[in-house]
């Protein structure tokens, strides 16, 4: 893609601030409508939070599901969103999403390099009215990023903490199952061996994996499309302020390596800067666990500091900051890599496995550990309401950690020693010894495990009903019966891992029209200014109904916004 250094007062039709999924979606659709687009990205890499993600899009009524014969209805999806969003349900935006999302997905498959595959993900609350057992979540196909040429170096690499020597796992249960079974199944061993061999070769040749999956594949495919359309993506190019002339936003001031310059947009400036997960002041005001003095670790890109929201706010934009959950909560742990380096591990899989439970400092369980990350995160926040610290400890025994791993700790035969020595993982010959090592109440932990084990051998969890929904079971162990989510904790030594609160991106944000026009304090559009992605308030009202409810709507509304901008008469 053309990245010739920008000059002061360069004109374009549309200036997009941010090169994540919503920014590139908007840019691509606008360019397909014949508009000249410039993308400015704060980070030295493009891809945003989506490049770290599982790459799943929630698209009710999508063509992939229809082709597979999966029955669904628009009315069911509408009912589900209404039930999930509750008092914050936005009928106009939801109707637009449901009407346009399938069209958007087909457009990208037919008109760009983006290709999709189905997933078997159920909605997170599939038994709620309108919920689906499968079909609404789709995934970008893997991609060989050598197609990007030299720009492959500017694609944000996957989150280090969830890779193995830099190798990504596909966001499908089938792919992950092979890695868990590699030491017990010859087909799984061969599958893993082939993938590792190919990855090691890629590292030797390119210093990173080139056959990417999940969110990295999604963003690489969008970047390849932008490249073909000659859409310049200028990295290391943060926006400092918006330019206003006669009550209209006409451009932005960007900080480049050559100094500050003005880019003038004849039709629109689109804010796509990724929300505010690293805006310390704003998250302290909006996150309940921070208000009471707790800690928060976000695995989202460090550059997502709320720049777009602040620039809009300075011009009188109205913010929606009253959702029940300000962000998509994610239980995380701090990973000590050594030499003073730390990472953030999102607990996406281990909580679902049989033989793993989560307890508070007093040693008691507090929720169904196999619920979605957002639900478990919200339960952590609620359970720790009277405490400064918001944390839980994942507990398991030796056979369980050997089979599944725990957090950043990989299954056998990968050794546990380094993470034990660095204090990431705690170990005890008995439950009492483990509790003392981890700072948990010993009597409380012993009582909890004893009560849990009474029913776990029969696959039952009368206290929290783990395994009672299709989603609980989806990421568990289907080979463990009678309940893939429930197994006893019996054989020492025992292990504990401390988990804190994190997020996958913010839900609160700028108030807009359905087409993305930024609204002022009197609900009037600010001419020339638009917001998409996590800069814009989520249509889910602070709820997290299913896998892909961020990326699906973000791409859909980026598509809607670009189509709207294309109909605007140019200012010059």
Protein backbone atom coordinates (compact mmCIF):
# COMPACT_ATOMS: atom_id res chain seq x y z
CA UNK A 1 0.00 0.00 0.00
CA UNK A 2 1.22 3.49 -0.77
CA UNK A 3 2.70 5.07 2.36
CA UNK A 4 4.47 8.06 0.86
CA UNK A 5 5.00 10.57 3.70
CA UNK A 6 2.03 12.86 4.14
CA UNK A 7 2.32 16.53 3.34
CA UNK A 8 0.69 19.40 5.19
CA UNK A 9 -2.79 20.28 3.89
CA UNK A 10 -3.13 17.06 1.94
CA UNK A 11 -6.74 16.65 0.82
CA UNK A 12 -8.81 13.48 0.79
CA UNK A 13 -12.49 12.61 0.85
CA UNK A 14 -12.36 10.63 4.10
CA UNK A 15 -9.80 10.61 6.89
CA UNK A 16 -10.04 7.52 9.09
CA UNK A 17 -8.28 7.74 12.47
CA UNK A 18 -7.41 4.19 13.46
CA UNK A 19 -6.44 1.05 11.52
CA UNK A 20 -8.33 -1.61 13.46
CA UNK A 21 -11.24 -3.63 12.15
CA UNK A 22 -13.75 -0.78 12.10
CA UNK A 23 -11.31 1.71 10.63
CA UNK A 24 -10.23 -0.54 7.77
CA UNK A 25 -13.81 -1.68 7.13
CA UNK A 26 -14.92 1.94 6.78
CA UNK A 27 -11.93 2.79 4.60
CA UNK A 28 -12.42 -0.20 2.27
CA UNK A 29 -16.15 0.36 1.77
CA UNK A 30 -15.61 4.09 1.18
CA UNK A 31 -12.90 3.37 -1.38
CA UNK A 32 -15.19 0.85 -3.08
CA UNK A 33 -17.68 3.74 -3.46
CA UNK A 34 -15.02 5.73 -5.33
CA UNK A 35 -13.83 7.91 -2.44
CA UNK A 36 -10.22 8.83 -1.73
CA UNK A 37 -9.33 7.63 1.77
CA UNK A 38 -6.38 8.14 4.12
CA UNK A 39 -5.95 6.01 7.25
CA UNK A 40 -3.86 7.36 10.14
CA UNK A 41 -2.80 4.92 12.86
CA UNK A 42 -1.20 5.89 16.17
CA UNK A 43 0.71 2.61 16.66
CA UNK A 44 3.73 1.50 14.62
CA UNK A 45 1.59 -1.44 13.46
CA UNK A 46 -1.93 -1.78 12.08
CA UNK A 47 -4.62 -4.22 13.16
CA UNK A 48 -5.82 -2.77 16.46
CA UNK A 49 -7.45 -4.91 19.12
CA UNK A 50 -8.91 -7.20 16.45
CA UNK A 51 -5.42 -8.48 15.57
CA UNK A 52 -5.16 -9.81 19.15
CA UNK A 53 -8.66 -11.29 19.12
CA UNK A 54 -10.22 -14.60 18.18
CA UNK A 55 -11.41 -12.97 14.95
CA UNK A 56 -15.03 -14.10 15.43
CA UNK A 57 -17.94 -12.04 14.06
CA UNK A 58 -21.50 -12.36 15.35
CA UNK A 59 -23.70 -12.08 12.23
CA UNK A 60 -27.24 -13.43 12.70
CA UNK A 61 -28.69 -14.66 9.41
CA UNK A 62 -25.29 -14.94 7.74
CA UNK A 63 -24.92 -16.75 4.41
CA UNK A 64 -22.47 -19.29 5.85
CA UNK A 65 -25.09 -20.61 8.26
CA UNK A 66 -27.80 -20.57 5.61
CA UNK A 67 -25.64 -22.64 3.27
CA UNK A 68 -25.14 -25.16 6.08
CA UNK A 69 -28.90 -25.44 6.55
CA UNK A 70 -28.90 -23.87 10.02
CA UNK A 71 -32.31 -22.48 10.88
CA UNK A 72 -32.46 -19.03 12.45
CA UNK A 73 -34.65 -15.96 12.19
CA UNK A 74 -34.23 -12.24 12.37
CA UNK A 75 -37.04 -12.11 14.92
CA UNK A 76 -35.22 -14.54 17.23
CA UNK A 77 -32.01 -12.51 17.06
CA UNK A 78 -33.94 -9.30 17.73
CA UNK A 79 -35.59 -10.89 20.76
CA UNK A 80 -32.23 -12.11 22.03
CA UNK A 81 -30.57 -8.67 21.77
CA UNK A 82 -33.60 -7.05 23.42
CA UNK A 83 -33.39 -9.52 26.31
CA UNK A 84 -29.65 -9.05 26.68
CA UNK A 85 -29.52 -5.25 26.42
CA UNK A 86 -32.47 -4.71 28.74
CA UNK A 87 -33.07 -1.06 29.59
CA UNK A 88 -30.32 -0.02 27.14
CA UNK A 89 -31.89 -1.72 24.13
CA UNK A 90 -31.66 0.54 21.06
CA UNK A 91 -34.35 -0.62 18.60
CA UNK A 92 -33.28 1.61 15.69
CA UNK A 93 -29.61 0.62 15.79
CA UNK A 94 -30.43 -3.04 16.41
CA UNK A 95 -32.82 -3.15 13.45
CA UNK A 96 -30.14 -1.59 11.24
CA UNK A 97 -27.57 -4.10 12.43
CA UNK A 98 -29.78 -7.12 11.80
CA UNK A 99 -30.87 -5.79 8.39
CA UNK A 100 -27.34 -5.00 7.22
CA UNK A 101 -24.97 -7.50 8.88
CA UNK A 102 -25.66 -10.39 6.44
CA UNK A 103 -25.30 -8.00 3.50
CA UNK A 104 -22.00 -6.74 4.89
CA UNK A 105 -20.62 -10.26 5.28
CA UNK A 106 -21.55 -11.19 1.72
CA UNK A 107 -20.09 -7.92 0.39
CA UNK A 108 -16.73 -8.64 2.00
CA UNK A 109 -16.64 -12.23 0.76
CA UNK A 110 -17.50 -11.21 -2.80
CA UNK A 111 -15.62 -7.91 -3.05
CA UNK A 112 -12.49 -8.31 -0.90
CA UNK A 113 -9.89 -10.83 0.29
CA UNK A 114 -11.92 -11.55 3.41
CA UNK A 115 -13.24 -15.12 3.50
CA UNK A 116 -15.20 -16.75 6.31
CA UNK A 117 -15.62 -20.20 7.79
CA UNK A 118 -18.36 -21.32 10.19
CA UNK A 119 -17.87 -21.96 13.88
CA UNK A 120 -19.85 -24.16 16.23
CA UNK A 121 -20.07 -21.42 18.87
CA UNK A 122 -23.42 -21.26 20.67
CA UNK A 123 -24.57 -17.87 21.88
CA UNK A 124 -23.30 -17.25 25.40
CA UNK A 125 -26.82 -17.61 26.81
CA UNK A 126 -28.31 -20.07 24.32
CA UNK A 127 -31.22 -21.05 26.56
CA UNK A 128 -32.45 -17.46 26.85
CA UNK A 129 -35.36 -16.60 24.57
CA UNK A 130 -34.03 -15.90 21.08
CA UNK A 131 -30.65 -17.52 21.78
CA UNK A 132 -29.08 -19.86 19.23
CA UNK A 133 -27.22 -23.14 19.67
CA UNK A 134 -24.95 -22.35 16.69
CA UNK A 135 -24.68 -20.51 13.37
CA UNK A 136 -24.47 -16.83 14.29
CA UNK A 137 -20.71 -16.65 14.86
CA UNK A 138 -18.34 -16.87 11.88
CA UNK A 139 -14.57 -16.69 11.60
CA UNK A 140 -12.01 -15.37 9.12
CA UNK A 141 -10.14 -18.07 7.22
CA UNK A 142 -6.42 -18.47 7.94
CA UNK A 143 -4.16 -16.35 5.73
CA UNK A 144 -0.56 -16.37 4.52
CA UNK A 145 0.65 -12.86 5.30
CA UNK A 146 3.48 -13.09 2.78
CA UNK A 147 0.82 -11.78 0.40
CA UNK A 148 1.27 -8.40 2.14
CA UNK A 149 4.88 -8.15 1.01
CA UNK A 150 6.90 -5.76 3.14
CA UNK A 151 3.73 -4.67 4.95
CA UNK A 152 3.64 -8.00 6.77
CA UNK A 153 6.11 -6.40 9.19
CA UNK A 154 3.52 -3.75 10.03
CA UNK A 155 0.74 -6.21 10.88
CA UNK A 156 0.27 -6.27 14.65
CA UNK A 157 1.57 -9.65 15.84
CA UNK A 158 -0.69 -11.88 17.93
CA UNK A 159 -0.81 -11.44 21.69
CA UNK A 160 2.37 -13.10 22.94
CA UNK A 161 0.78 -14.63 26.03
CA UNK A 162 -1.68 -16.78 24.06
CA UNK A 163 0.80 -18.15 21.52
CA UNK A 164 3.25 -21.02 21.82
CA UNK A 165 6.69 -19.87 20.61
CA UNK A 166 4.74 -17.30 18.62
CA UNK A 167 2.38 -19.83 17.00
CA UNK A 168 -1.31 -18.98 16.98
CA UNK A 169 -4.13 -21.37 17.72
CA UNK A 170 -7.21 -21.18 15.54
CA UNK A 171 -10.39 -20.01 17.30
CA UNK A 172 -12.04 -23.36 16.82
CA UNK A 173 -12.56 -26.07 19.38
CA UNK A 174 -11.32 -28.73 16.95
CA UNK A 175 -7.94 -27.05 16.48
CA UNK A 176 -7.38 -26.52 20.20
CA UNK A 177 -8.46 -30.08 21.02
CA UNK A 178 -5.51 -31.46 19.03
CA UNK A 179 -3.03 -29.51 21.16
CA UNK A 180 -4.60 -30.76 24.40
CA UNK A 181 -4.55 -34.36 23.12
CA UNK A 182 -1.11 -34.35 21.50
CA UNK A 183 0.43 -36.66 24.12
CA UNK A 184 -2.52 -39.09 24.12
CA UNK A 185 -3.60 -39.37 20.47
CA UNK A 186 -1.49 -40.22 17.43
CA UNK A 187 -3.64 -38.16 14.99
CA UNK A 188 -3.43 -35.18 17.37
CA UNK A 189 0.32 -35.66 17.79
CA UNK A 190 0.83 -35.68 14.02
CA UNK A 191 -1.41 -32.61 13.62
CA UNK A 192 0.57 -30.68 16.23
CA UNK A 193 3.93 -31.91 14.90
CA UNK A 194 3.14 -30.68 11.39
CA UNK A 195 1.99 -27.30 12.64
CA UNK A 196 5.05 -26.88 14.88
CA UNK A 197 7.42 -27.91 12.09
CA UNK A 198 5.87 -25.42 9.68
CA UNK A 199 5.94 -22.69 12.32
CA UNK A 200 9.62 -23.25 13.20
CA UNK A 201 10.47 -22.98 9.51
CA UNK A 202 8.53 -19.70 9.29
CA UNK A 203 10.40 -18.32 12.31
CA UNK A 204 13.72 -19.17 10.70
CA UNK A 205 12.80 -17.49 7.42
CA UNK A 206 10.63 -14.54 8.49
CA UNK A 207 11.15 -14.13 12.27
CA UNK A 208 7.42 -14.60 12.85
CA UNK A 209 4.63 -16.96 11.91
CA UNK A 210 3.26 -16.18 8.45
CA UNK A 211 0.31 -18.56 8.31
CA UNK A 212 -1.94 -16.65 10.66
CA UNK A 213 -5.35 -17.44 12.09
CA UNK A 214 -8.13 -15.78 14.11
CA UNK A 215 -8.00 -11.99 14.43
CA UNK A 216 -4.59 -11.80 12.79
CA UNK A 217 -6.05 -13.45 9.68
CA UNK A 218 -9.03 -11.08 9.73
CA UNK A 219 -6.84 -7.99 9.83
CA UNK A 220 -4.32 -9.33 7.32
CA UNK A 221 -7.13 -9.98 4.84
CA UNK A 222 -8.51 -6.47 5.33
CA UNK A 223 -5.01 -5.00 4.97
CA UNK A 224 -4.45 -6.90 1.74
CA UNK A 225 -7.71 -5.46 0.42
CA UNK A 226 -6.65 -1.95 1.44
CA UNK A 227 -3.35 -2.56 -0.31
CA UNK A 228 -5.10 -3.55 -3.54
CA UNK A 229 -7.30 -0.43 -3.33
CA UNK A 230 -4.25 1.83 -2.79
CA UNK A 231 -5.55 3.00 0.58
CA UNK A 232 -2.53 4.36 2.44
CA UNK A 233 -2.24 3.25 6.09
CA UNK A 234 0.11 5.65 7.84
CA UNK A 235 1.43 4.09 11.04
CA UNK A 236 3.26 6.03 13.80
CA UNK A 237 0.82 8.81 12.94
CA UNK A 238 -1.38 9.75 15.94
CA UNK A 239 -4.13 12.34 15.64
CA UNK A 240 -3.68 15.29 17.99
CA UNK A 241 -6.81 17.34 17.34
CA UNK A 242 -9.69 17.87 14.95
CA UNK A 243 -9.97 20.84 12.64
CA UNK A 244 -13.23 22.77 12.74
CA UNK A 245 -14.29 25.41 10.22
CA UNK A 246 -17.65 27.17 10.28
CA UNK A 247 -19.15 24.55 12.58
CA UNK A 248 -17.97 21.60 10.49
CA UNK A 249 -15.14 19.14 11.06
CA UNK A 250 -12.86 19.44 8.06
CA UNK A 251 -9.79 17.47 9.01
CA UNK A 252 -7.32 16.63 11.74
CA UNK A 253 -3.85 17.52 12.95
CA UNK A 254 -1.56 14.49 12.83
CA UNK A 255 1.82 14.01 14.47
CA UNK A 256 4.21 12.47 11.95
CA UNK A 257 7.91 11.72 12.09
CA UNK A 258 8.40 14.92 10.09
CA UNK A 259 6.33 17.01 12.51
CA UNK A 260 2.69 18.03 12.85
CA UNK A 261 0.65 18.32 9.66
CA UNK A 262 -2.97 18.99 8.74
CA UNK A 263 -4.97 16.52 6.69
CA UNK A 264 -8.12 18.01 5.17
CA UNK A 265 -11.13 15.77 4.61
CA UNK A 266 -13.69 17.06 2.12
CA UNK A 267 -16.45 14.70 3.27
CA UNK A 268 -15.76 13.24 6.69
CA UNK A 269 -13.38 12.45 9.52
CA UNK A 270 -14.07 9.03 11.05
CA UNK A 271 -12.94 8.24 14.60
CA UNK A 272 -11.90 4.60 14.92
CA UNK A 273 -9.28 4.84 17.66
CA UNK A 274 -10.25 1.76 19.68
CA UNK A 275 -12.10 3.10 22.71
CA UNK A 276 -10.52 3.89 26.09
CA UNK A 277 -9.22 0.69 27.80
CA UNK A 278 -5.89 2.39 28.55
CA UNK A 279 -7.24 5.84 29.45
CA UNK A 280 -6.22 5.68 33.12
CA UNK A 281 -8.33 8.61 34.24
CA UNK A 282 -11.51 7.46 32.51
CA UNK A 283 -11.32 3.81 33.56
CA UNK A 284 -10.73 4.87 37.16
CA UNK A 285 -13.98 6.78 36.98
CA UNK A 286 -16.00 4.05 35.24
CA UNK A 287 -14.65 0.66 36.39
CA UNK A 288 -16.14 -0.30 39.79
CA UNK A 289 -13.17 -2.41 40.88
CA UNK A 290 -10.83 0.53 40.22
CA UNK A 291 -13.07 2.98 42.05
CA UNK A 292 -12.65 0.88 45.19
CA UNK A 293 -8.87 0.73 44.80
CA UNK A 294 -8.37 -2.52 42.89
CA UNK A 295 -6.18 -3.42 39.95
CA UNK A 296 -6.93 -3.80 36.23
CA UNK A 297 -4.83 -5.36 33.47
CA UNK A 298 -5.97 -4.96 29.87
CA UNK A 299 -4.51 -7.14 27.10
CA UNK A 300 -5.74 -4.64 24.50
CA UNK A 301 -3.17 -2.53 22.58
CA UNK A 302 -1.49 0.03 24.83
CA UNK A 303 -2.17 2.75 22.23
CA UNK A 304 -5.94 2.59 22.91
CA UNK A 305 -5.95 5.51 25.32
CA UNK A 306 -9.24 7.13 24.33
CA UNK A 307 -7.80 9.67 21.89
CA UNK A 308 -10.81 9.65 19.57
CA UNK A 309 -13.27 10.06 22.41
CA UNK A 310 -11.31 12.95 23.94
CA UNK A 311 -11.04 14.79 20.63
CA UNK A 312 -14.78 14.45 20.07
CA UNK A 313 -15.55 15.46 23.66
CA UNK A 314 -13.54 18.67 23.27
CA UNK A 315 -15.88 19.60 20.41
CA UNK A 316 -19.00 19.04 22.49
CA UNK A 317 -19.74 15.41 21.62
CA UNK A 318 -22.12 13.54 23.90
CA UNK A 319 -20.90 10.34 25.57
CA UNK A 320 -22.85 7.29 26.68
CA UNK A 321 -21.15 6.33 29.96
CA UNK A 322 -23.94 4.61 31.86
CA UNK A 323 -23.94 1.00 30.68
CA UNK A 324 -24.12 -1.66 33.41
CA UNK A 325 -20.69 -2.82 32.22
CA UNK A 326 -18.36 -0.20 30.78
CA UNK A 327 -16.25 -2.86 29.09
CA UNK A 328 -16.17 -6.47 27.97
CA UNK A 329 -14.76 -7.98 31.16
CA UNK A 330 -12.03 -10.59 30.89
CA UNK A 331 -10.40 -12.46 33.80
CA UNK A 332 -6.62 -12.19 33.26
CA UNK A 333 -3.34 -13.04 34.95
CA UNK A 334 -0.01 -11.22 34.99
CA UNK A 335 2.64 -13.37 33.29
CA UNK A 336 6.28 -12.90 34.37
CA UNK A 337 8.33 -13.56 31.25
CA UNK A 338 11.60 -12.89 33.07
CA UNK A 339 14.15 -10.08 32.88
CA UNK A 340 11.56 -7.66 34.19
CA UNK A 341 9.10 -8.29 31.35
CA UNK A 342 5.44 -9.04 31.97
CA UNK A 343 2.48 -10.00 29.81
CA UNK A 344 -1.26 -10.31 30.30
CA UNK A 345 -2.91 -13.69 29.81
CA UNK A 346 -6.68 -13.73 29.06
CA UNK A 347 -8.32 -16.82 30.61
CA UNK A 348 -10.28 -17.98 27.59
CA UNK A 349 -10.10 -21.76 27.95
CA UNK A 350 -8.86 -23.14 31.27
CA UNK A 351 -11.95 -22.21 33.29
CA UNK A 352 -14.12 -24.55 31.22
CA UNK A 353 -12.07 -27.67 31.87
CA UNK A 354 -13.13 -30.39 34.31
CA UNK A 355 -11.14 -30.30 37.54
CA UNK A 356 -10.61 -26.52 37.55
CA UNK A 357 -12.56 -24.28 39.94
CA UNK A 358 -12.32 -20.60 40.88
CA UNK A 359 -12.34 -19.39 44.49
CA UNK A 360 -12.10 -16.06 46.30
CA UNK A 361 -9.53 -15.30 48.99
CA UNK A 362 -11.83 -16.87 51.56
CA UNK A 363 -11.63 -20.13 49.63
CA UNK A 364 -15.24 -20.26 48.46
CA UNK A 365 -16.56 -20.58 44.91
CA UNK A 366 -18.75 -17.74 43.70
CA UNK A 367 -19.95 -18.50 40.15
CA UNK A 368 -20.18 -21.00 37.31
CA UNK A 369 -16.58 -20.98 36.07
CA UNK A 370 -17.69 -22.25 32.64
CA UNK A 371 -19.75 -19.17 31.85
CA UNK A 372 -18.41 -16.61 29.39
CA UNK A 373 -15.41 -14.49 30.36
CA UNK A 374 -17.65 -11.43 30.63
CA UNK A 375 -20.10 -13.20 32.93
CA UNK A 376 -17.32 -14.54 35.14
CA UNK A 377 -15.69 -11.10 35.20
CA UNK A 378 -18.94 -9.45 36.25
CA UNK A 379 -19.40 -12.12 38.93
CA UNK A 380 -15.88 -11.37 40.22
CA UNK A 381 -16.66 -7.67 40.42
CA UNK A 382 -19.91 -8.35 42.27
CA UNK A 383 -18.46 -10.97 44.62
CA UNK A 384 -15.60 -8.67 45.64
CA UNK A 385 -17.80 -5.58 46.10
CA UNK A 386 -16.86 -5.22 49.77
CA UNK A 387 -13.14 -5.70 49.16
CA UNK A 388 -10.44 -3.46 47.73
CA UNK A 389 -9.06 -6.38 45.72
CA UNK A 390 -11.01 -7.98 42.87
CA UNK A 391 -9.43 -11.38 42.28
CA UNK A 392 -9.99 -15.11 42.20
CA UNK A 393 -7.69 -18.11 42.28
CA UNK A 394 -8.01 -21.01 39.84
CA UNK A 395 -7.47 -24.31 41.63
CA UNK A 396 -6.65 -27.75 40.18
CA UNK A 397 -4.73 -30.95 40.91
CA UNK A 398 -1.73 -32.57 39.24
CA UNK A 399 -3.59 -34.72 36.66
CA UNK A 400 -5.64 -31.71 35.54
CA UNK A 401 -2.72 -29.31 35.06
CA UNK A 402 -0.76 -32.04 33.28
CA UNK A 403 -3.63 -32.59 30.85
CA UNK A 404 -4.87 -29.05 30.21
CA UNK A 405 -2.32 -26.63 31.63
CA UNK A 406 -3.50 -23.61 33.62
CA UNK A 407 -3.38 -20.04 32.35
CA UNK A 408 -0.02 -19.38 30.68
CA UNK A 409 1.25 -22.74 31.97
CA UNK A 410 1.15 -25.30 29.17
CA UNK A 411 0.14 -28.98 29.51
CA UNK A 412 2.73 -31.74 30.00
CA UNK A 413 5.40 -32.29 28.94
CA UNK A 414 6.13 -28.53 29.18
CA UNK A 415 7.76 -28.07 32.63
CA UNK A 416 6.05 -26.09 35.41
CA UNK A 417 9.26 -25.05 37.13
CA UNK A 418 9.84 -21.62 35.55
CA UNK A 419 6.35 -20.35 36.39
CA UNK A 420 6.56 -21.77 39.93
CA UNK A 421 9.90 -20.04 40.54
CA UNK A 422 8.59 -16.72 39.21
CA UNK A 423 5.52 -16.87 41.46
CA UNK A 424 2.97 -17.08 38.66
CA UNK A 425 1.87 -20.51 39.83
CA UNK A 426 1.58 -21.76 43.43
CA UNK A 427 1.97 -25.38 44.50
CA UNK A 428 1.13 -27.33 47.64
CA UNK A 429 1.40 -30.99 48.59
CA UNK A 430 -1.97 -30.62 50.33
CA UNK A 431 -4.84 -28.17 49.89
CA UNK A 432 -3.88 -26.57 53.18
CA UNK A 433 -0.29 -26.08 52.05
CA UNK A 434 -1.49 -24.69 48.71
CA UNK A 435 -3.80 -22.22 50.43
CA UNK A 436 -1.00 -21.00 52.69
CA UNK A 437 1.32 -20.55 49.71
CA UNK A 438 -1.27 -18.64 47.67
CA UNK A 439 -2.73 -16.49 50.46
CA UNK A 440 -6.13 -18.22 50.49
CA UNK A 441 -8.04 -19.18 53.65
CA UNK A 442 -7.04 -22.85 54.22
CA UNK A 443 -10.21 -23.95 56.00
CA UNK A 444 -12.38 -22.26 53.38
CA UNK A 445 -10.54 -23.94 50.50
CA UNK A 446 -10.64 -27.39 52.11
CA UNK A 447 -14.36 -27.05 52.79
CA UNK A 448 -15.07 -25.86 49.25
CA UNK A 449 -13.13 -28.64 47.54
CA UNK A 450 -14.66 -31.28 49.82
CA UNK A 451 -18.19 -30.08 48.99
CA UNK A 452 -17.39 -29.81 45.27
CA UNK A 453 -15.88 -33.32 45.13
CA UNK A 454 -18.97 -34.89 46.69
CA UNK A 455 -20.81 -34.40 43.40
CA UNK A 456 -18.01 -33.87 40.84
CA UNK A 457 -17.22 -37.55 40.37
CA UNK A 458 -20.77 -37.99 39.07
CA UNK A 459 -20.41 -34.93 36.82
CA UNK A 460 -22.73 -32.82 38.93
CA UNK A 461 -22.44 -29.28 40.22
CA UNK A 462 -25.62 -28.53 42.17
CA UNK A 463 -24.18 -25.24 43.45
CA UNK A 464 -23.57 -23.51 40.10
CA UNK A 465 -24.74 -26.00 37.44
CA UNK A 466 -21.57 -26.10 35.34
CA UNK A 467 -22.14 -27.82 32.04
CA UNK A 468 -25.84 -27.02 31.98
CA UNK A 469 -25.70 -25.00 28.72
CA UNK A 470 -24.33 -25.66 25.25
CA UNK A 471 -21.89 -22.80 25.69
CA UNK A 472 -20.56 -24.19 29.00
CA UNK A 473 -19.82 -27.46 27.22
CA UNK A 474 -18.42 -25.99 23.99
CA UNK A 475 -14.98 -25.09 25.37
CA UNK A 476 -14.81 -27.94 27.90
CA UNK A 477 -13.54 -31.48 27.27
CA UNK A 478 -16.06 -33.53 25.27
CA UNK A 479 -14.14 -36.72 26.05
CA UNK A 480 -14.70 -36.24 29.78
CA UNK A 481 -18.02 -37.77 30.77
CA UNK A 482 -20.67 -37.55 32.10
CA UNK A 483 -20.08 -33.78 32.28
CA UNK A 484 -17.32 -32.20 30.13
CA UNK A 485 -17.04 -29.26 32.55
CA UNK A 486 -16.96 -31.05 35.91
CA UNK A 487 -14.30 -33.31 37.41
CA UNK A 488 -13.04 -33.85 40.96
CA UNK A 489 -9.90 -32.33 42.52
CA UNK A 490 -8.26 -35.32 44.22
CA UNK A 491 -4.63 -36.03 43.50
CA UNK A 492 -1.91 -33.74 44.82
CA UNK A 493 0.17 -31.82 44.52
CA UNK A 494 -2.36 -29.04 44.01
CA UNK A 495 -1.98 -25.75 42.14
CA UNK A 496 -3.36 -22.20 42.34
CA UNK A 497 -3.12 -19.26 39.95
CA UNK A 498 -4.23 -15.72 40.79
CA UNK A 499 -6.61 -14.09 38.31
CA UNK A 500 -7.47 -10.39 38.19
CA UNK A 501 -9.79 -8.19 36.15
CA UNK A 502 -9.09 -7.14 32.61
CA UNK A 503 -11.09 -6.31 29.49
CA UNK A 504 -11.30 -6.95 25.76
CA UNK A 505 -12.36 -3.40 24.91
CA UNK A 506 -14.82 -0.76 26.03
CA UNK A 507 -18.61 -0.71 25.59
CA UNK A 508 -19.22 2.90 26.68
CA UNK A 509 -18.39 5.53 24.09
CA UNK A 510 -19.53 8.34 21.82
CA UNK A 511 -23.24 8.73 21.12
CA UNK A 512 -23.98 8.63 17.40
CA UNK A 513 -26.78 8.32 14.91
CA UNK A 514 -27.30 4.89 13.36
CA UNK A 515 -25.13 5.99 10.44
CA UNK A 516 -22.32 7.01 12.78
CA UNK A 517 -22.68 10.80 12.91
CA UNK A 518 -21.32 12.05 16.24
CA UNK A 519 -23.99 13.76 18.34
CA UNK A 520 -23.51 16.84 20.48
CA UNK A 521 -25.01 17.50 23.90
CA UNK A 522 -28.36 18.40 22.33
CA UNK A 523 -28.44 15.22 20.19
CA UNK A 524 -27.59 17.11 16.99
CA UNK A 525 -25.04 15.68 14.54
CA UNK A 526 -21.67 17.42 14.46
CA UNK A 527 -21.21 17.97 10.71
CA UNK A 528 -18.34 16.05 9.17
CA UNK A 529 -17.56 13.91 12.24
CA UNK A 530 -18.27 10.18 12.56
CA UNK A 531 -17.39 7.44 15.03
CA UNK A 532 -17.17 3.69 14.49
CA UNK A 533 -15.92 0.67 16.40
CA UNK A 534 -15.17 0.95 20.09
CA UNK A 535 -15.10 4.75 19.92
CA UNK A 536 -18.86 4.49 19.38
CA UNK A 537 -21.13 3.23 22.18
CA UNK A 538 -21.93 -0.48 21.75
CA UNK A 539 -25.41 -1.42 20.55
CA UNK A 540 -25.37 -4.28 23.06
CA UNK A 541 -25.97 -1.86 25.93
CA UNK A 542 -23.11 -3.17 28.08
CA UNK A 543 -24.12 -6.82 27.61
CA UNK A 544 -22.04 -9.60 26.03
CA UNK A 545 -24.47 -12.00 24.33
CA UNK A 546 -22.18 -14.09 22.11
CA UNK A 547 -18.77 -14.63 20.53
CA UNK A 548 -18.14 -11.84 18.04
CA UNK A 549 -20.59 -9.21 19.32
CA UNK A 550 -17.82 -6.60 19.07
CA UNK A 551 -16.34 -7.38 15.65
CA UNK A 552 -19.66 -8.20 13.96
CA UNK A 553 -21.38 -4.91 14.81
CA UNK A 554 -18.14 -2.93 14.37
CA UNK A 555 -17.75 -4.12 10.80
CA UNK A 556 -21.46 -3.72 10.10
CA UNK A 557 -21.62 -0.12 11.30
CA UNK A 558 -18.34 0.69 9.55
CA UNK A 559 -20.04 -0.55 6.38
CA UNK A 560 -23.17 1.53 7.11
CA UNK A 561 -21.14 4.65 7.89
CA UNK A 562 -19.03 4.42 4.73
CA UNK A 563 -22.12 3.96 2.57
CA UNK A 564 -23.67 7.03 4.21
CA UNK A 565 -20.57 9.17 3.73
CA UNK A 566 -20.45 8.23 0.04
CA UNK A 567 -23.85 9.91 -0.41
CA UNK A 568 -22.69 13.22 1.09
CA UNK A 569 -21.83 16.04 -1.26
CA UNK A 570 -18.14 16.93 -1.03
CA UNK A 571 -17.35 20.18 0.77
CA UNK A 572 -15.10 21.44 -2.04
